[in-house]
Each structure stands twice: as structure tokens, then as C-alpha cells.
N, C-alpha and C. Protein backbone atom coordinates (compact mmCIF):
# COMPACT_ATOMS: atom_id res chain seq x y z
N UNK A 1 -26.10 1.90 -67.30
CA UNK A 1 -24.60 3.23 -67.29
C UNK A 1 -26.09 4.47 -68.25
N UNK A 2 -25.53 5.41 -67.57
CA UNK A 2 -26.14 6.18 -68.46
C UNK A 2 -24.44 7.60 -69.49
N UNK A 3 -24.88 8.13 -70.46
CA UNK A 3 -24.22 8.61 -71.39
C UNK A 3 -24.92 9.83 -71.01
N UNK A 4 -24.48 11.21 -70.41
CA UNK A 4 -24.33 12.19 -70.40
C UNK A 4 -23.63 13.62 -71.26
N UNK A 5 -24.25 13.99 -71.74
CA UNK A 5 -23.32 14.65 -72.90
C UNK A 5 -22.45 16.26 -72.29
N UNK A 6 -20.93 16.56 -72.83
CA UNK A 6 -20.49 17.03 -71.71
C UNK A 6 -19.78 18.75 -72.62
N UNK A 7 -19.27 19.61 -72.46
CA UNK A 7 -18.80 20.81 -73.22
C UNK A 7 -17.93 21.42 -73.00
N UNK A 8 -16.84 21.46 -72.94
CA UNK A 8 -15.43 22.83 -72.58
C UNK A 8 -15.16 23.07 -73.90
N UNK A 9 -14.65 24.56 -73.25
CA UNK A 9 -13.65 25.67 -73.93
C UNK A 9 -12.52 25.48 -74.69
N UNK A 10 -13.15 24.94 -75.56
CA UNK A 10 -12.03 24.23 -76.42
C UNK A 10 -11.50 23.11 -75.31
N UNK A 11 -9.67 22.46 -76.22
CA UNK A 11 -9.31 21.22 -75.74
C UNK A 11 -9.44 20.45 -74.03
N UNK A 12 -8.73 21.54 -73.84
CA UNK A 12 -8.60 21.42 -72.40
C UNK A 12 -9.12 22.63 -71.16
N UNK A 13 -9.88 23.37 -71.88
CA UNK A 13 -10.66 24.16 -71.49
C UNK A 13 -11.17 24.06 -70.31
N UNK A 14 -12.17 25.27 -69.70
CA UNK A 14 -12.84 25.03 -69.12
C UNK A 14 -14.70 24.39 -69.50
N UNK A 15 -14.67 23.76 -68.19
CA UNK A 15 -16.16 22.66 -68.94
C UNK A 15 -17.37 23.81 -68.19
N UNK A 16 -18.26 23.97 -69.37
CA UNK A 16 -19.57 24.28 -69.22
C UNK A 16 -20.50 23.71 -69.45
N UNK A 17 -21.62 24.52 -67.56
CA UNK A 17 -22.76 22.95 -67.71
C UNK A 17 -23.56 23.00 -68.24
N UNK A 18 -23.67 21.52 -68.56
CA UNK A 18 -24.82 21.36 -70.07
C UNK A 18 -26.33 21.37 -68.82
N UNK A 19 -27.21 20.86 -69.55
CA UNK A 19 -28.33 20.02 -69.01
C UNK A 19 -27.73 18.55 -69.20
N UNK A 20 -29.03 17.88 -68.25
CA UNK A 20 -28.64 16.19 -68.32
C UNK A 20 -29.54 15.90 -69.32
N UNK A 21 -28.38 15.19 -70.20
CA UNK A 21 -29.19 14.45 -71.20
C UNK A 21 -29.50 13.21 -71.58
N UNK A 22 -30.48 12.80 -72.10
CA UNK A 22 -31.32 10.74 -71.50
C UNK A 22 -29.27 10.39 -72.26
N UNK A 23 -29.64 9.34 -72.45
CA UNK A 23 -28.25 8.02 -73.16
C UNK A 23 -28.83 8.29 -74.72
N UNK A 24 -29.76 8.44 -75.04
CA UNK A 24 -30.15 8.16 -76.22
C UNK A 24 -29.38 9.75 -77.32
N UNK A 25 -30.23 10.38 -76.83
CA UNK A 25 -29.89 11.89 -76.87
C UNK A 25 -27.93 11.74 -77.31
N UNK A 26 -27.65 11.19 -76.07
CA UNK A 26 -26.45 11.70 -76.38
C UNK A 26 -25.49 11.33 -77.75
N UNK A 27 -26.30 10.43 -77.92
CA UNK A 27 -25.79 9.31 -78.87
C UNK A 27 -25.48 10.40 -79.97
N UNK A 28 -26.67 10.46 -80.11
CA UNK A 28 -27.97 11.19 -81.52
C UNK A 28 -27.01 12.41 -81.53
N UNK A 29 -26.85 13.44 -80.38
CA UNK A 29 -25.81 14.39 -80.66
C UNK A 29 -24.17 14.08 -81.02
N UNK A 30 -23.85 12.97 -80.67
CA UNK A 30 -22.19 13.01 -81.14
C UNK A 30 -22.51 11.67 -82.51
N UNK A 31 -23.22 12.03 -83.31
CA UNK A 31 -23.66 11.44 -84.27
C UNK A 31 -22.38 11.52 -84.87
N UNK A 32 -21.18 10.66 -85.45
CA UNK A 32 -20.39 10.99 -87.11
C UNK A 32 -20.50 10.10 -87.52
N UNK A 33 -19.50 10.62 -89.07
CA UNK A 33 -19.22 10.14 -90.84
C UNK A 33 -18.09 9.36 -89.57
N UNK A 34 -18.32 7.26 -89.70
CA UNK A 34 -17.69 6.96 -89.82
C UNK A 34 -16.36 7.04 -91.33
N UNK A 35 -16.13 8.20 -92.03
CA UNK A 35 -15.69 8.01 -93.09
C UNK A 35 -14.66 8.91 -92.33
N UNK A 36 -15.22 9.78 -91.50
CA UNK A 36 -13.43 10.43 -91.18
C UNK A 36 -13.99 10.17 -89.62
N UNK A 37 -14.56 9.97 -89.19
CA UNK A 37 -14.83 9.56 -87.84
C UNK A 37 -14.70 11.12 -86.74
N UNK A 38 -15.55 12.24 -87.31
CA UNK A 38 -15.80 13.39 -87.04
C UNK A 38 -17.22 13.45 -86.45
N UNK A 39 -17.48 14.42 -85.51
CA UNK A 39 -18.57 14.24 -85.74
C UNK A 39 -19.27 15.49 -86.81
N UNK A 40 -20.43 14.41 -87.06
CA UNK A 40 -21.34 15.69 -88.13
C UNK A 40 -21.21 16.51 -88.22
N UNK A 41 -21.08 17.86 -88.86
CA UNK A 41 -21.15 19.17 -88.72
C UNK A 41 -19.96 19.43 -87.78
N UNK A 42 -19.25 18.59 -87.21
CA UNK A 42 -18.05 19.00 -86.34
C UNK A 42 -19.12 19.19 -84.65
N UNK A 43 -17.91 20.08 -84.19
CA UNK A 43 -18.56 21.15 -82.38
C UNK A 43 -19.76 21.38 -83.00
N UNK A 44 -19.72 22.10 -83.87
CA UNK A 44 -20.45 23.16 -84.22
C UNK A 44 -21.63 22.00 -84.27
N UNK A 45 -22.12 21.29 -85.51
CA UNK A 45 -23.33 20.80 -85.37
C UNK A 45 -23.85 19.86 -84.20
N UNK A 46 -23.07 19.52 -83.02
CA UNK A 46 -23.52 18.60 -82.02
C UNK A 46 -23.76 20.30 -81.05
N UNK A 47 -23.22 21.11 -81.53
CA UNK A 47 -23.88 22.79 -80.26
C UNK A 47 -25.28 22.59 -80.18
N UNK A 48 -25.96 22.66 -82.02
CA UNK A 48 -27.38 23.12 -83.34
C UNK A 48 -27.97 21.76 -82.23
N UNK A 49 -27.51 20.76 -82.65
CA UNK A 49 -28.71 19.35 -81.80
C UNK A 49 -29.18 19.61 -80.58
N UNK A 50 -28.04 20.38 -79.93
CA UNK A 50 -28.07 19.87 -78.76
C UNK A 50 -29.30 21.40 -78.49
N UNK A 51 -28.80 22.35 -78.72
CA UNK A 51 -29.70 23.81 -78.53
C UNK A 51 -31.00 23.21 -78.85
N UNK A 52 -30.95 22.62 -80.07
CA UNK A 52 -32.91 22.34 -80.53
C UNK A 52 -33.35 21.79 -79.07
N UNK A 53 -32.70 20.74 -78.96
CA UNK A 53 -32.99 19.72 -77.87
C UNK A 53 -33.90 20.75 -76.75
N UNK A 54 -32.45 21.20 -76.42
CA UNK A 54 -33.32 22.65 -74.65
C UNK A 54 -34.68 23.05 -75.23
N UNK A 55 -33.95 24.04 -76.46
CA UNK A 55 -35.40 24.43 -77.37
C UNK A 55 -36.59 23.52 -77.11
N UNK A 56 -36.63 22.54 -76.97
CA UNK A 56 -37.54 21.36 -77.22
C UNK A 56 -38.69 21.54 -75.76
N UNK A 57 -37.39 22.01 -74.43
CA UNK A 57 -38.63 22.09 -73.53
C UNK A 57 -39.70 22.94 -73.12
N UNK A 58 -40.27 22.98 -74.29
CA UNK A 58 -41.06 24.46 -74.39
C UNK A 58 -42.14 24.40 -75.26
N UNK A 59 -42.21 23.05 -75.24
CA UNK A 59 -43.44 22.44 -76.08
C UNK A 59 -43.88 21.50 -75.53
N UNK A 60 -45.33 21.04 -75.30
CA UNK A 60 -46.68 20.87 -74.41
C UNK A 60 -47.42 21.55 -74.37
N UNK A 61 -48.09 20.90 -73.21
CA UNK A 61 -49.05 21.73 -72.76
C UNK A 61 -48.17 22.23 -70.96
N UNK A 62 -49.10 23.40 -70.93
CA UNK A 62 -48.97 23.67 -69.60
C UNK A 62 -49.44 24.28 -68.53
N UNK A 63 -49.27 23.95 -67.49
CA UNK A 63 -50.91 24.50 -66.59
C UNK A 63 -50.75 26.17 -66.23
N UNK A 64 -49.99 26.35 -66.85
CA UNK A 64 -50.32 28.66 -66.95
C UNK A 64 -48.79 28.92 -68.01
N UNK A 65 -49.77 30.32 -68.14
CA UNK A 65 -47.93 30.96 -68.86
C UNK A 65 -47.36 31.68 -67.99
N UNK A 66 -47.35 32.09 -66.91
CA UNK A 66 -45.54 31.66 -66.26
C UNK A 66 -45.43 30.82 -66.31
N UNK A 67 -44.54 30.26 -65.94
CA UNK A 67 -44.22 28.68 -66.09
C UNK A 67 -43.86 28.18 -67.67
N UNK A 68 -45.05 29.06 -68.41
CA UNK A 68 -44.06 28.70 -69.57
C UNK A 68 -43.41 29.63 -69.55
N UNK A 69 -43.36 30.93 -69.38
CA UNK A 69 -42.90 32.02 -69.77
C UNK A 69 -41.53 31.91 -68.63
N UNK A 70 -41.26 31.10 -67.91
CA UNK A 70 -39.96 31.06 -66.85
C UNK A 70 -39.02 29.98 -67.64
N UNK A 71 -39.93 28.83 -68.13
CA UNK A 71 -38.88 27.81 -68.61
C UNK A 71 -38.30 28.89 -70.20
N UNK A 72 -38.86 29.05 -70.62
CA UNK A 72 -39.01 30.00 -72.49
C UNK A 72 -37.45 31.17 -71.87
N UNK A 73 -37.64 31.79 -70.44
CA UNK A 73 -35.93 32.78 -69.74
C UNK A 73 -35.11 31.18 -69.90
N UNK A 74 -35.34 30.99 -69.07
CA UNK A 74 -34.60 29.56 -69.07
C UNK A 74 -33.83 29.23 -70.10
N UNK A 75 -34.77 28.35 -71.03
CA UNK A 75 -34.20 28.37 -72.37
C UNK A 75 -33.35 29.21 -73.24
N UNK A 76 -33.72 30.61 -73.06
CA UNK A 76 -33.40 31.32 -73.52
C UNK A 76 -31.80 32.07 -72.95
N UNK A 77 -31.48 31.99 -71.39
CA UNK A 77 -29.63 31.49 -71.33
C UNK A 77 -29.17 31.35 -71.16
N UNK A 78 -29.97 29.84 -71.47
CA UNK A 78 -28.71 28.41 -71.40
C UNK A 78 -28.01 28.87 -72.84
N UNK A 79 -29.08 28.78 -73.85
CA UNK A 79 -29.02 29.22 -75.35
C UNK A 79 -27.66 30.42 -75.40
N UNK A 80 -28.20 31.53 -75.20
CA UNK A 80 -26.86 32.29 -74.92
C UNK A 80 -25.79 31.51 -74.71
N UNK A 81 -25.54 31.11 -73.02
CA UNK A 81 -24.72 30.84 -72.73
C UNK A 81 -23.79 29.35 -74.15
N UNK A 82 -24.14 28.47 -74.30
CA UNK A 82 -24.34 27.68 -75.63
C UNK A 82 -23.73 28.24 -76.52
N UNK A 83 -23.64 29.68 -76.89
CA UNK A 83 -23.54 30.04 -77.62
C UNK A 83 -22.27 31.00 -78.22
N UNK A 84 -22.49 31.22 -76.55
CA UNK A 84 -20.88 32.34 -76.52
C UNK A 84 -19.97 31.90 -76.65
N UNK A 85 -20.02 29.87 -76.17
CA UNK A 85 -18.58 29.52 -76.17
C UNK A 85 -18.15 29.44 -77.55
N UNK A 86 -16.37 30.14 -77.98
CA UNK A 86 -15.88 30.38 -79.03
C UNK A 86 -15.38 28.94 -79.56
N UNK A 87 -14.70 28.11 -79.08
CA UNK A 87 -14.50 26.61 -79.37
C UNK A 87 -14.77 25.53 -78.88
N UNK A 88 -16.43 25.44 -78.93
CA UNK A 88 -17.28 24.54 -78.25
C UNK A 88 -16.28 22.69 -78.43
N UNK A 89 -15.99 21.95 -77.01
CA UNK A 89 -15.61 21.10 -77.43
C UNK A 89 -15.74 20.30 -77.17
N UNK A 90 -17.21 19.29 -76.97
CA UNK A 90 -18.67 18.23 -77.40
C UNK A 90 -17.83 17.19 -76.49
N UNK A 91 -17.91 16.34 -75.72
CA UNK A 91 -17.78 14.45 -75.50
C UNK A 91 -18.89 14.02 -74.02
N UNK A 92 -18.62 12.87 -74.23
CA UNK A 92 -19.88 12.59 -72.97
C UNK A 92 -19.08 11.71 -71.47
N UNK A 93 -20.19 11.89 -70.82
CA UNK A 93 -19.01 10.95 -69.61
C UNK A 93 -20.64 9.75 -68.87
């Protein structure tokens, strides 16, 4: 079974579309402090880890510069959306 990261604005707010995450990365994003049972860095920490993963999509070898530029634009647009959420509430499905 695959675990995908989800994001809502606030506890019961609107669901924000995320890119499908691999299970290993979902679990890494949602790592928590066993003493407090809180996410490491809270929900903002999860956001930072998710955005770093999104940004990694521009790494590697590209067939041409146009494809790379298109991907950079996609990453930038998605990152702006995720950063615009005032009260991120991450979980998984």
C-alpha cells in the first residue's frame, strides 16, 4: 500500500493538491519527535522537507533547456502555492 502526503489549510480546511509522493518520502516528511509525538519542526518542517523534494525535480540531465525551463516554472508555481498556505496541516492517505 502506498502512503501519499496530503495538505489541508488548517485542521478542517480546503485540501491543497500535492504531487504524488513515494511512500519512503511521505514517511521521511512526517518524521516525528517520539517525546512530543509532534512532527520534527511542526507542519512548517514538513512543508520545508516537501518543498526541498519538489525542488529536486530540476536536478539531473535534461534533453534540452526548454524542458528544464518548463520544469523550473512548474516547481516555482507549486512552491509558491505551498508557501502561500498560512496554516499547513499535513497528513497522509
